[in-house]
Protein backbone atom coordinates (compact mmCIF):
# COMPACT_ATOMS: atom_id res chain seq x y z
CA LEU A 1 20.49 6.37 22.26
CA ALA A 2 17.04 5.41 23.76
CA LEU A 3 14.20 3.97 21.44
CA GLU A 4 10.82 4.18 21.90
CA PRO A 5 9.43 0.20 22.96
CA PRO A 6 7.18 -1.18 21.13
CA PRO A 7 3.36 -1.44 22.34
CA PRO A 8 2.48 -3.74 24.51
CA ALA A 9 2.12 -7.62 23.33
CA SER A 10 -1.65 -7.52 23.82
CA ARG A 11 -2.15 -4.74 21.58
CA ALA A 12 -0.76 -6.24 17.73
CA GLN A 13 0.11 -3.99 15.17
CA ALA A 14 -2.38 -4.08 12.44
CA PRO A 15 -1.51 -6.42 9.30
CA GLY A 16 -0.51 -3.80 6.73
CA VAL A 17 -0.27 -1.24 9.20
CA PRO A 18 3.56 -0.83 9.83
CA PRO A 19 4.98 1.36 12.27
CA ALA A 20 6.66 4.61 11.15
CA PRO A 21 9.89 4.63 11.13
CA ALA A 22 10.75 7.38 13.69
CA ALA A 23 12.70 5.03 15.90
CA ARG A 24 14.94 4.24 12.75
CA VAL A 25 15.51 7.77 11.57
CA ARG A 26 16.54 9.08 15.10
CA VAL A 27 19.21 6.09 15.33
CA GLN A 28 20.25 7.08 11.96
CA ALA A 29 20.46 11.28 13.00
CA GLY A 30 22.05 10.07 16.47
CA CYS A 31 24.95 8.09 14.94
CA VAL A 32 25.52 11.20 12.13
CA VAL A 33 25.73 13.30 15.24
CA ALA A 34 28.32 11.34 17.30
CA LEU A 35 30.25 10.75 14.28
CA ALA A 36 30.42 14.49 13.39
CA GLY A 37 31.37 15.38 16.65
CA SER A 38 33.81 12.99 17.28
CA LEU A 39 35.44 14.16 14.04
CA ALA A 40 34.97 17.95 15.11
CA ALA A 41 36.63 16.94 18.55
CA LEU A 42 39.32 15.02 17.32
CA VAL A 43 40.11 18.19 14.96
CA LEU A 44 40.14 20.65 17.58
CA GLY A 45 42.10 18.25 20.30
CA SER A 46 45.32 18.04 17.86
CA ALA A 47 44.95 22.01 17.22
CA GLY A 48 44.86 21.91 21.04
CA ASP A 49 48.01 20.27 21.78
CA THR A 50 50.01 22.86 19.45
CA VAL A 51 48.50 25.68 20.82
CA LYS A 52 48.67 25.13 24.44
CA GLU A 53 52.87 25.47 23.91
CA CYS A 54 52.90 29.22 22.53
CA SER A 55 49.59 30.59 23.89
CA SER A 56 47.84 32.10 27.66
CA PRO A 57 46.64 30.10 30.16
CA TRP A 58 42.83 30.73 28.93
CA ALA A 59 43.77 29.24 25.48
CA SER A 60 45.68 26.12 27.33
CA GLU A 61 42.37 25.19 29.10
CA MET A 62 39.84 25.76 26.76
CA ALA A 63 42.41 23.06 24.43
CA ALA A 64 42.59 20.92 27.34
CA ARG A 65 38.75 20.90 27.02
CA LEU A 66 38.51 20.38 23.81
CA SER A 67 39.12 16.66 24.26
CA LEU A 68 37.45 13.88 22.05
CA ARG A 69 35.03 12.50 24.55
CA ARG A 70 33.69 15.68 26.09
CA LEU A 71 32.37 17.46 22.72
CA ALA A 72 31.41 13.89 21.47
CA HIS A 73 29.23 13.72 24.77
CA LEU A 74 27.94 17.49 24.48
CA LEU A 75 27.04 17.28 21.07
CA LEU A 76 24.99 14.29 21.82
CA LEU A 77 23.33 15.92 24.66
CA LEU A 78 21.99 18.70 22.40
CA TRP A 79 19.68 15.87 20.42
CA GLN A 80 18.78 13.20 22.68
CA PRO A 81 15.04 11.40 22.11
CA THR A 82 12.87 11.06 24.97
CA PRO A 83 14.10 7.97 27.23
CA ALA A 84 10.34 7.25 28.25
CA ALA A 85 7.91 5.39 26.07
CA ALA A 86 5.66 7.24 24.06
CA ALA A 87 2.12 6.50 24.69
CA TRP A 88 0.90 3.68 22.52
CA LYS A 89 -1.48 4.72 19.68
CA PRO A 90 -4.25 2.56 18.21
CA PRO A 91 -3.39 1.03 14.44
CA TRP A 92 -6.33 3.43 13.15
CA ALA A 93 -4.43 6.23 14.49
CA VAL A 94 -3.11 8.01 11.35
CA PRO A 95 -2.58 11.65 11.31
CA GLU A 96 -5.28 13.68 9.18
CA MET A 97 -4.12 15.34 6.32
CA ASP A 98 -5.48 16.40 3.26
CA PHE A 99 -4.65 13.23 1.23
CA LYS A 100 -5.54 13.75 -2.75
CA GLN A 101 -3.18 11.02 -4.06
CA CYS A 102 0.10 9.07 -3.33
CA ASP A 103 3.57 10.70 -3.98
CA THR A 104 5.54 9.59 -6.49
CA ASP A 105 7.98 10.77 -8.43
CA VAL A 106 6.79 8.18 -11.71
CA HIS A 107 3.86 9.70 -13.73
CA TRP A 108 2.31 8.43 -16.76
CA VAL A 109 0.23 9.35 -19.49
CA GLY A 110 -2.10 7.75 -22.25
CA GLN A 111 -4.64 6.03 -19.74
CA ASN A 112 -7.90 5.05 -21.30
CA TYR A 113 -11.62 4.86 -20.23
CA MET A 114 -10.72 5.70 -16.51
CA ASN A 115 -14.70 6.47 -16.45
CA MET A 116 -15.21 2.56 -16.77
CA LYS A 117 -12.39 1.89 -14.07
CA GLY A 118 -12.35 1.92 -10.20
CA LEU A 119 -10.26 1.00 -7.35
CA VAL A 120 -11.55 -1.96 -4.57
CA MET A 121 -11.37 -0.45 -0.98
CA ASP A 122 -9.43 -3.32 0.92
CA ASP A 123 -10.13 -3.79 5.02
CA VAL A 124 -6.74 -2.33 5.62
CA THR A 125 -7.88 1.21 3.92
CA PHE A 126 -11.47 0.95 5.23
CA ARG A 127 -10.66 0.13 9.02
CA TYR A 128 -7.81 2.04 9.72
CA CYS A 129 -7.45 5.14 7.15
CA PRO A 130 -10.76 6.07 5.39
CA SER A 131 -9.53 9.73 5.21
CA ARG A 132 -6.83 8.67 3.12
CA LEU A 133 -9.07 7.15 0.09
CA PRO A 134 -7.32 8.43 -3.25
CA GLU A 135 -8.78 11.04 -5.19
CA ILE A 136 -6.49 10.86 -8.12
CA TRP A 137 -5.46 7.37 -9.73
CA PRO A 138 -1.88 6.29 -8.52
CA ASN A 139 0.77 7.57 -11.09
CA LEU A 140 -1.51 9.94 -13.09
CA ASN A 141 -1.82 13.53 -12.66
CA ASN A 142 -5.18 13.90 -13.80
CA SER A 143 -7.76 11.34 -14.10
CA LYS A 144 -10.01 11.17 -10.73
CA VAL A 145 -11.37 7.94 -9.34
CA THR A 146 -14.54 8.04 -9.91
CA SER A 147 -16.05 4.79 -8.89
CA LEU A 148 -15.30 2.16 -5.79
CA ARG A 149 -16.12 -1.31 -4.65
CA LEU A 150 -16.66 -2.33 -1.10
CA PHE A 151 -16.63 -5.87 0.15
CA ARG A 152 -18.67 -4.95 3.55
CA SER A 153 -20.14 -2.14 5.10
CA TRP A 154 -18.68 -3.13 8.77
CA ASN A 155 -16.89 -6.02 10.09
CA GLU A 156 -17.92 -7.37 13.87
CA ALA A 157 -14.32 -7.36 14.72
CA TRP A 158 -13.80 -3.69 14.49
CA PRO A 159 -14.39 -1.29 17.34
CA GLU A 160 -18.22 -0.52 17.25
CA GLU A 161 -17.28 3.87 18.11
CA ARG A 162 -15.31 3.86 15.19
CA GLN A 163 -17.85 2.97 12.59
CA ASP A 164 -19.80 6.59 12.98
CA THR A 165 -16.39 8.17 12.10
CA VAL A 166 -15.25 5.63 9.09
CA TRP A 167 -18.55 6.28 7.49
CA ASP A 168 -18.22 10.26 7.52
CA SER A 169 -14.86 10.04 5.65
CA LEU A 170 -16.48 7.62 3.14
CA VAL A 171 -19.51 9.27 2.82
CA SER A 172 -17.84 13.06 2.57
CA TYR A 173 -15.46 10.80 -0.21
CA VAL A 174 -18.12 9.72 -2.24
CA LYS A 175 -20.11 12.73 -2.31
CA ASP A 176 -17.44 15.82 -2.43
CA ASN A 177 -16.05 13.52 -5.38
CA GLY A 178 -18.97 12.23 -7.08
CA VAL A 179 -18.07 8.63 -6.51
CA LYS A 180 -20.46 5.84 -7.50
CA VAL A 181 -19.76 2.29 -4.73
CA LEU A 182 -20.81 -0.95 -5.42
CA MET A 183 -21.47 -2.18 -2.20
CA GLY A 184 -21.35 -5.67 -0.84
CA THR A 185 -22.79 -7.72 1.76
CA PRO A 186 -21.17 -11.30 2.95
CA VAL A 187 -22.54 -14.50 2.55
CA THR A 188 -21.21 -16.78 5.12
CA CYS A 189 -21.97 -20.06 7.53
CA ASP A 190 -23.27 -18.04 9.74
CA ALA A 191 -26.80 -16.65 9.14
CA GLN A 192 -27.05 -14.00 12.10
CA ALA A 193 -23.49 -12.40 10.96
CA ASP A 194 -24.85 -12.07 7.88
CA ASP A 195 -28.20 -10.63 8.77
CA ARG A 196 -26.19 -8.06 11.15
CA ASP A 197 -24.00 -7.42 7.47
CA TRP A 198 -26.67 -6.78 5.72
CA LYS A 199 -28.21 -4.18 8.20
CA TRP A 200 -25.23 -1.98 7.89
CA THR A 201 -25.24 -2.52 4.22
CA LYS A 202 -28.50 -1.16 3.70
CA ALA A 203 -27.80 1.81 6.52
CA LEU A 204 -24.58 2.64 4.55
CA MET A 205 -26.43 2.45 1.36
CA GLN A 206 -29.08 5.08 3.00
CA ARG A 207 -26.03 7.72 3.99
CA LEU A 208 -25.01 7.40 0.27
CA GLY A 209 -28.09 7.27 -1.40
CA PRO A 210 -29.13 5.79 -4.62
CA ALA A 211 -27.44 9.12 -6.45
CA ASN A 212 -23.81 7.77 -5.14
CA VAL A 213 -24.40 3.54 -5.19
CA MET A 214 -23.71 1.84 -8.85
CA GLY A 215 -25.16 -1.29 -7.37
CA PHE A 216 -24.98 -3.88 -4.40
CA ALA A 217 -23.15 -7.31 -4.74
CA VAL A 218 -24.14 -10.48 -2.70
CA GLY A 219 -21.87 -12.88 -1.57
CA ASN A 220 -18.07 -12.89 -3.17
CA GLU A 221 -16.19 -15.65 -4.96
CA LEU A 222 -18.73 -17.97 -2.72
CA GLU A 223 -17.43 -21.71 -5.21
CA LEU A 224 -14.37 -21.30 -3.63
CA LEU A 225 -16.24 -21.44 0.16
CA TRP A 226 -16.14 -25.17 -0.08
CA GLY A 227 -12.66 -25.50 -0.05
CA GLN A 228 -11.69 -23.19 2.80
CA LYS A 229 -10.33 -24.78 6.10
CA GLY A 230 -13.32 -25.06 8.87
CA ILE A 231 -16.47 -24.89 6.77
CA ALA A 232 -18.94 -27.79 7.43
CA LYS A 233 -20.40 -29.54 4.57
CA ASP A 234 -23.74 -28.88 5.91
CA CYS A 235 -23.16 -25.45 4.71
CA ILE A 236 -22.00 -26.17 1.58
CA LEU A 237 -25.22 -28.10 0.81
CA GLU A 238 -27.15 -25.62 2.78
CA LEU A 239 -25.67 -23.03 0.39
CA TRP A 240 -25.99 -24.26 -2.63
CA ASP A 241 -27.61 -27.68 -2.89
CA LYS A 242 -30.57 -26.36 -0.90
CA GLY A 243 -30.60 -23.29 -2.85
CA GLY A 244 -29.47 -21.25 0.45
CA LEU A 245 -27.79 -18.51 -1.64
CA TRP A 246 -30.69 -18.06 -4.13
CA ARG A 247 -33.44 -17.51 -1.11
CA THR A 248 -30.72 -15.07 0.46
CA PHE A 249 -29.98 -13.50 -2.66
CA GLN A 250 -34.03 -12.55 -3.44
CA GLN A 251 -34.84 -11.20 0.31
CA ARG A 252 -31.73 -8.81 -0.06
CA VAL A 253 -32.77 -7.28 -3.57
CA ALA A 254 -36.37 -7.33 -2.09
CA GLU A 255 -35.30 -5.26 1.23
CA ALA A 256 -33.39 -2.81 -0.99
CA ASP A 257 -36.23 -2.09 -3.43
CA GLU A 258 -38.24 -1.16 -0.20
CA ILE A 259 -35.83 1.66 0.41
CA GLY A 260 -35.53 2.83 -2.63
CA PHE A 261 -32.87 1.32 -4.50
CA GLY A 262 -35.32 -0.58 -6.81
CA SER A 263 -33.82 0.71 -9.76
CA LEU A 264 -30.04 -0.45 -8.68
CA ALA A 265 -27.77 -2.96 -10.68
CA ILE A 266 -27.43 -6.24 -8.34
CA THR A 267 -24.63 -9.34 -8.67
CA SER A 268 -22.79 -11.57 -6.91
CA VAL A 269 -19.44 -12.14 -7.52
CA PHE A 270 -17.65 -15.42 -8.72
CA THR A 271 -13.90 -15.82 -9.80
CA SER A 272 -13.25 -16.29 -13.88
CA GLY A 273 -12.99 -20.19 -12.48
CA ILE A 274 -16.66 -20.87 -12.90
CA ILE A 275 -16.39 -20.99 -16.76
CA TYR A 276 -14.30 -23.95 -16.57
CA SER A 277 -17.36 -26.41 -15.90
CA GLY A 278 -16.08 -29.61 -17.37
CA ASP A 279 -20.05 -30.28 -18.73
CA LYS A 280 -19.92 -29.36 -22.33
CA PHE A 281 -23.95 -29.01 -21.61
CA LEU A 282 -23.78 -26.34 -19.14
CA PRO A 283 -22.12 -22.97 -19.18
CA PHE A 284 -20.70 -22.66 -15.74
CA VAL A 285 -19.46 -25.07 -13.00
CA ASN A 286 -22.40 -26.62 -11.11
CA ILE A 287 -20.90 -29.46 -8.79
CA PRO A 288 -23.11 -31.06 -5.99
CA GLY A 289 -21.25 -30.27 -2.62
CA GLN A 290 -18.78 -27.89 -4.16
CA ALA A 291 -20.30 -24.85 -6.14
CA MET A 292 -23.80 -25.00 -8.01
CA VAL A 293 -22.89 -21.88 -9.89
CA ASN A 294 -24.86 -22.22 -13.16
CA ASP A 295 -28.48 -22.83 -11.46
CA PHE A 296 -27.82 -19.75 -9.72
CA LEU A 297 -27.07 -17.91 -12.51
CA LYS A 298 -29.86 -19.37 -14.47
CA ASN A 299 -32.18 -18.35 -11.81
CA ALA A 300 -31.22 -14.83 -11.56
CA THR A 301 -30.86 -13.78 -14.75
CA ARG A 302 -34.12 -15.51 -15.36
CA LYS A 303 -36.46 -13.31 -12.76
CA TYR A 304 -34.19 -10.08 -13.14
CA ALA A 305 -33.24 -10.15 -16.52
CA ARG A 306 -30.75 -7.39 -17.32
CA ARG A 307 -30.88 -5.96 -14.03
CA PHE A 308 -28.41 -8.72 -13.08
CA VAL A 309 -24.67 -8.23 -13.97
CA PHE A 310 -22.24 -10.68 -14.42
CA ALA A 311 -19.37 -10.33 -11.91
CA VAL A 312 -16.09 -12.07 -12.18
CA ASN A 313 -12.44 -11.22 -10.75
CA ILE A 314 -9.70 -12.32 -13.09
CA TYR A 315 -6.17 -12.85 -11.79
CA PRO A 316 -3.66 -13.95 -14.39
CA TYR A 317 -1.30 -13.62 -11.20
CA PHE A 318 -2.24 -16.81 -10.09
CA ASP A 319 -2.89 -18.65 -13.50
CA PRO A 320 -2.02 -22.19 -13.12
CA THR A 321 -1.26 -22.39 -16.66
CA LEU A 322 1.78 -20.74 -16.44
CA THR A 323 5.17 -22.14 -16.56
CA ILE A 324 9.06 -21.64 -16.56
CA ASP A 325 10.59 -21.28 -19.33
CA PRO A 326 13.09 -23.54 -20.45
CA PRO A 327 16.21 -23.57 -20.47
CA ARG A 328 17.22 -20.79 -18.46
CA HIS A 329 14.70 -21.48 -15.91
CA THR A 330 13.63 -17.60 -16.34
CA CYS A 331 9.67 -16.66 -16.28
CA GLU A 332 10.09 -13.88 -19.02
CA SER A 333 6.98 -15.75 -21.36
CA ALA A 334 4.83 -15.71 -19.21
CA ILE A 335 5.28 -12.33 -17.55
CA LYS A 336 4.59 -11.47 -21.08
CA ILE A 337 0.91 -12.61 -21.54
CA ALA A 338 -0.13 -12.12 -18.00
CA THR A 339 0.42 -8.37 -17.70
CA CYS A 340 -0.88 -7.27 -21.42
CA PHE A 341 -4.30 -6.58 -22.64
CA LYS A 342 -4.09 -7.46 -26.03
CA PRO A 343 -5.94 -9.97 -27.95
CA GLY A 344 -3.91 -13.52 -27.04
CA CYS A 345 -3.44 -12.19 -23.27
CA LEU A 346 -4.51 -14.46 -20.56
CA ALA A 347 -7.35 -11.19 -18.93
CA ASN A 348 -8.53 -10.85 -23.13
CA LYS A 349 -8.70 -14.92 -23.39
CA ALA A 350 -10.64 -15.49 -20.04
CA LEU A 351 -13.26 -12.55 -20.74
CA ILE A 352 -13.81 -13.90 -24.17
CA GLU A 353 -14.97 -17.44 -23.08
CA VAL A 354 -17.31 -15.59 -20.46
CA ARG A 355 -18.87 -13.36 -22.71
CA GLN A 356 -19.73 -16.98 -24.62
CA LYS A 357 -20.61 -18.89 -21.50
CA MET A 358 -23.03 -15.92 -20.67
CA VAL A 359 -24.79 -15.86 -24.29
CA ALA A 360 -25.17 -19.59 -23.92
CA LEU A 361 -27.03 -19.45 -20.61
CA THR A 362 -29.43 -16.25 -21.08
CA HIS A 363 -29.24 -16.64 -25.24
CA ARG A 364 -28.89 -12.93 -25.33
CA PRO A 365 -25.30 -11.42 -26.25
CA ASP A 366 -26.01 -7.41 -24.53
CA ASP A 367 -25.73 -8.74 -20.73
CA ARG A 368 -24.00 -6.41 -19.04
CA LEU A 369 -20.62 -8.00 -17.33
CA TRP A 370 -18.02 -6.27 -14.70
CA ILE A 371 -14.85 -7.51 -13.68
CA GLY A 372 -15.02 -7.16 -10.13
CA GLU A 373 -11.15 -7.26 -9.07
CA ILE A 374 -7.99 -7.72 -11.44
CA GLY A 375 -4.67 -7.14 -9.98
CA TRP A 376 -0.60 -8.24 -9.32
CA SER A 377 1.07 -8.85 -6.17
CA SER A 378 4.57 -7.31 -5.61
CA PRO A 379 6.26 -8.56 -3.43
CA LYS A 380 5.06 -12.65 -3.95
CA ALA A 381 1.25 -12.91 -2.44
CA ASP A 382 1.61 -16.04 0.22
CA ALA A 383 -1.43 -17.90 -2.17
CA LEU A 384 0.66 -17.90 -4.79
CA SER A 385 1.25 -21.54 -5.38
CA THR A 386 1.89 -21.72 -9.01
CA ALA A 387 5.14 -22.74 -10.76
CA MET A 388 5.44 -18.82 -10.49
CA ALA A 389 6.36 -19.17 -7.41
CA SER A 390 9.48 -19.81 -8.06
CA CYS A 391 10.32 -16.94 -9.99
CA PRO A 392 11.21 -13.51 -7.91
CA THR A 393 10.96 -12.13 -11.40
CA PHE A 394 7.00 -12.62 -11.80
CA SER A 395 6.64 -10.78 -8.08
CA SER A 396 8.97 -8.25 -8.77
CA LEU A 397 8.05 -4.50 -8.63
CA GLU A 398 8.80 -4.45 -12.57
CA SER A 399 6.47 -6.57 -13.03
CA LEU A 400 3.66 -5.05 -10.99
CA THR A 401 4.37 -1.95 -12.67
CA LEU A 402 3.71 -3.30 -16.12
CA PHE A 403 0.96 -5.05 -15.12
CA TYR A 404 -0.57 -2.03 -13.83
CA ARG A 405 0.58 0.39 -16.48
CA ASN A 406 -1.03 -1.56 -19.03
CA PHE A 407 -4.17 -2.06 -17.46
CA LEU A 408 -4.58 1.77 -17.26
CA GLU A 409 -3.77 2.13 -21.12
CA TRP A 410 -6.71 -0.60 -21.82
CA ASP A 411 -9.76 0.82 -23.32
CA LEU A 412 -11.19 -2.57 -22.38
CA SER A 413 -11.33 -3.99 -25.54
CA VAL A 414 -11.15 -7.87 -25.56
CA GLY A 415 -10.04 -8.33 -29.30
CA ALA A 416 -12.59 -10.78 -30.52
CA ALA A 417 -15.05 -9.73 -33.49
CA GLY A 418 -18.66 -10.14 -32.21
CA VAL A 419 -17.76 -10.45 -28.55
CA LEU A 420 -18.70 -7.38 -26.39
CA ASP A 421 -16.24 -5.70 -23.93
CA PRO A 422 -16.61 -5.39 -20.17
CA ASP A 423 -18.70 -2.82 -19.07
CA HIS A 424 -16.68 -1.78 -16.14
CA ALA A 425 -13.62 -2.84 -14.50
CA PHE A 426 -11.83 -2.77 -10.48
CA TYR A 427 -8.47 -3.06 -9.78
CA PHE A 428 -7.50 -4.27 -6.80
CA THR A 429 -6.50 -2.84 -4.65
CA MET A 430 -5.58 0.40 -2.59
CA ARG A 431 -3.11 -1.24 0.13
CA ASP A 432 -1.57 -4.40 0.98
CA ALA A 433 -3.83 -6.43 2.92
CA GLN A 434 -4.72 -9.97 4.29
CA ASN A 435 -7.37 -12.27 2.46
CA PHE A 436 -8.39 -15.72 4.51
CA GLY A 437 -5.71 -15.47 6.62
CA ASN A 438 -2.88 -15.21 3.43
CA GLN A 439 -1.12 -11.62 3.48
CA GLU A 440 -1.38 -10.30 0.13
CA TYR A 441 0.42 -7.26 -1.65
CA PHE A 442 -1.85 -6.43 -3.94
CA GLY A 443 -1.71 -2.71 -3.10
CA LEU A 444 -0.84 0.30 -4.85
CA LEU A 445 0.21 1.51 -1.57
CA LYS A 446 1.79 -0.07 0.89
CA SER A 447 0.44 0.90 4.21
CA CYS A 448 -1.85 3.64 5.92
CA ASN A 449 1.21 4.78 7.15
CA ASN A 450 2.75 5.48 4.03
CA ALA A 451 1.86 7.89 1.72
CA GLU A 452 4.28 7.41 -1.54
CA CYS A 453 2.99 5.29 -3.88
CA LYS A 454 4.49 1.85 -4.53
CA ILE A 455 5.63 2.39 -7.68
CA HIS A 456 8.28 5.09 -7.85
CA SER A 457 12.10 5.39 -8.67
CA ALA A 458 14.74 3.86 -6.74
CA ASP A 459 16.04 7.23 -5.31
CA PHE A 460 12.59 8.75 -4.32
CA VAL A 461 12.16 10.29 -1.28
CA PRO A 462 8.77 11.06 -0.29
CA PRO A 463 7.66 14.50 0.56
CA GLU A 464 5.89 13.23 3.86
CA LEU A 465 8.66 11.82 5.57
CA LEU A 466 10.51 15.60 4.92
CA ARG A 467 7.30 17.18 6.33
CA ARG A 468 6.85 14.62 9.21
CA TYR A 469 10.98 15.59 9.75
CA THR A 470 11.39 18.77 9.30
CA TRP A 471 12.61 19.65 12.50
CA MET A 472 15.79 17.09 11.92
CA ASN A 473 16.64 18.82 8.73
CA PHE A 474 16.74 22.13 10.70
CA PHE A 475 18.91 20.17 13.31
CA LEU A 476 21.59 18.34 10.74
CA GLN A 477 21.77 22.21 8.80
CA LEU A 478 22.35 23.60 12.02
CA LEU A 479 24.68 21.22 12.70
CA GLY A 480 26.32 21.27 9.40
CA SER A 481 27.00 25.14 10.09
CA THR A 482 28.62 24.21 13.31
CA LEU A 483 30.91 22.09 11.83
CA VAL A 484 31.87 24.77 8.98
CA LEU A 485 32.62 27.30 11.09
CA THR A 486 34.24 24.74 13.51
CA GLY A 487 36.55 23.81 10.90
CA LEU A 488 37.18 27.83 10.12
CA PHE A 489 37.88 28.22 13.89
CA CYS A 490 39.91 25.19 13.73
CA ALA A 491 42.13 26.43 10.58
CA THR A 492 42.61 29.69 12.39
CA TRP A 493 43.99 28.51 15.23
CA ALA A 494 46.12 26.15 13.42
CA SER A 495 47.41 28.93 11.47
CA ALA A 496 47.89 30.98 15.04
CA ALA A 497 49.56 28.19 16.60
CA ALA A 498 51.96 27.57 13.11
CA ALA A 499 52.86 31.14 13.76
CA CYS A 500 53.71 31.42 17.18
CA ALA A 501 55.76 28.22 16.33
CA ARG A 502 57.93 30.17 14.00
CA ARG A 503 58.08 33.05 16.21
CA LYS A 504 59.31 30.88 19.05
CA GLY A 505 61.44 29.41 16.83
CA ASP A 506 63.31 32.14 15.18
CA ARG A 507 63.69 33.82 19.02
CA ASP A 508 64.91 30.16 19.90
CA SER A 509 67.54 30.50 16.81
CA SER A 510 68.16 34.44 17.72
CA GLU A 511 68.94 33.29 21.26
CA GLU A 512 71.48 30.22 20.44
CA SER A 513 72.97 32.84 17.67
CA ASP A 514 73.73 35.27 20.39
CA SER A 515 74.70 33.06 23.05
CA SER A 516 77.48 31.92 19.98
CA SER A 517 78.95 34.99 19.11
CA GLU A 518 79.51 35.79 23.15
CA SER A 519 81.08 32.58 23.38
CA SER A 520 83.31 33.76 20.40
CA ARG A 521 84.30 36.91 21.95
């Protein structure tokens, strides 16, 4: 069987977008055909050897032609993949289809406060399949996605000619489904690139309109920038110690106000690690040469008051305090406290402490708090470096299922008296993607080429796969019918051959008897 060769090496497959399984299915189908043809030919060939002895010259000739090699070759010719290489398609050439939700046979009920929960759109989905944004939450039947978070509006590495098409798909999805979007604009060490990104963000915001934008974030997890490879110390000093982030933030807000977004919520998203400052006099981390988060939040909340929203990314999955259970070396206890949303669970404890630090900074108990990201990786994320990296169960599909279902059922309560609950939460993410060069598997779907939910039963067959290979199903059904008819044909010929053999035996016996009688006379 001829297989399609891979695309040219100069056009590498995009991360998170594996090739379609057509070649694999072709090999499987070809093996089925070859095996079935061989068995049928073996049966027919055996019957033919008997038929030749007591049938007409025509039947003998047909039996001789029904050899194992000839019939197997004939059946293979009926279905032979085209040996020529198929035309290469770019990774974003995903077939358009009416996509409302991913396919699965696992559906739950009991979800809570879905109007206060949203999905984060990863770069893979944004770039390659914006027409496949789920309208319904994965593994739910009737809960629509009402909010969406974007990290950026475009990337200079993405093909410019695709921008309008991608934005059209996103705008249609948002307006058709009444979705609110938390926009994002990056802040890096490249001021020129940041300005270009902000220009794209403003353009997309205007296309969406104020009614469909819930806010915009300037920067994401910038307190971690100092630890990234290749980042110059001068950049960190300019961003934090010299107030570069604060100046950029004010400029972005002023420009957004000028284009009609003056009442929009504003934020900068950090990790929950900012609450561990190590300084009893400062609520949030404030380390010169690394991250001056407390200074930034103090300035933002003083100037913009309650318009500024605190936003933190919470990942119990990466919690460094989780340990292996002795003596069996399992991680059952870690999974239990990391996947739940009740008093004493890691997510709840982090949110309570964030709220307490917010009050300590602003002396207001009712500032808004958003969870910018929360999710679970399965399989194991490349960046997982805690003790949980040695426990396969921790990153298993079962643990992801437990975490995601508990998130859907969570009523956003932190479970502490006098502590307000978060106002909104974004689940990370739609599809598996990369982050700072590390492959992560936080997606509720695997890739753009797969329409099935990641969470499904072991024997689930995706409807899209059945639709895609309807021709093969028809062919195999036709082959099965042919083999049944062939079996009946073989049985008929075998029966006829046996009857012929009996008649011949009877004649031979009769002739021998007659010969004996004549000899006796």
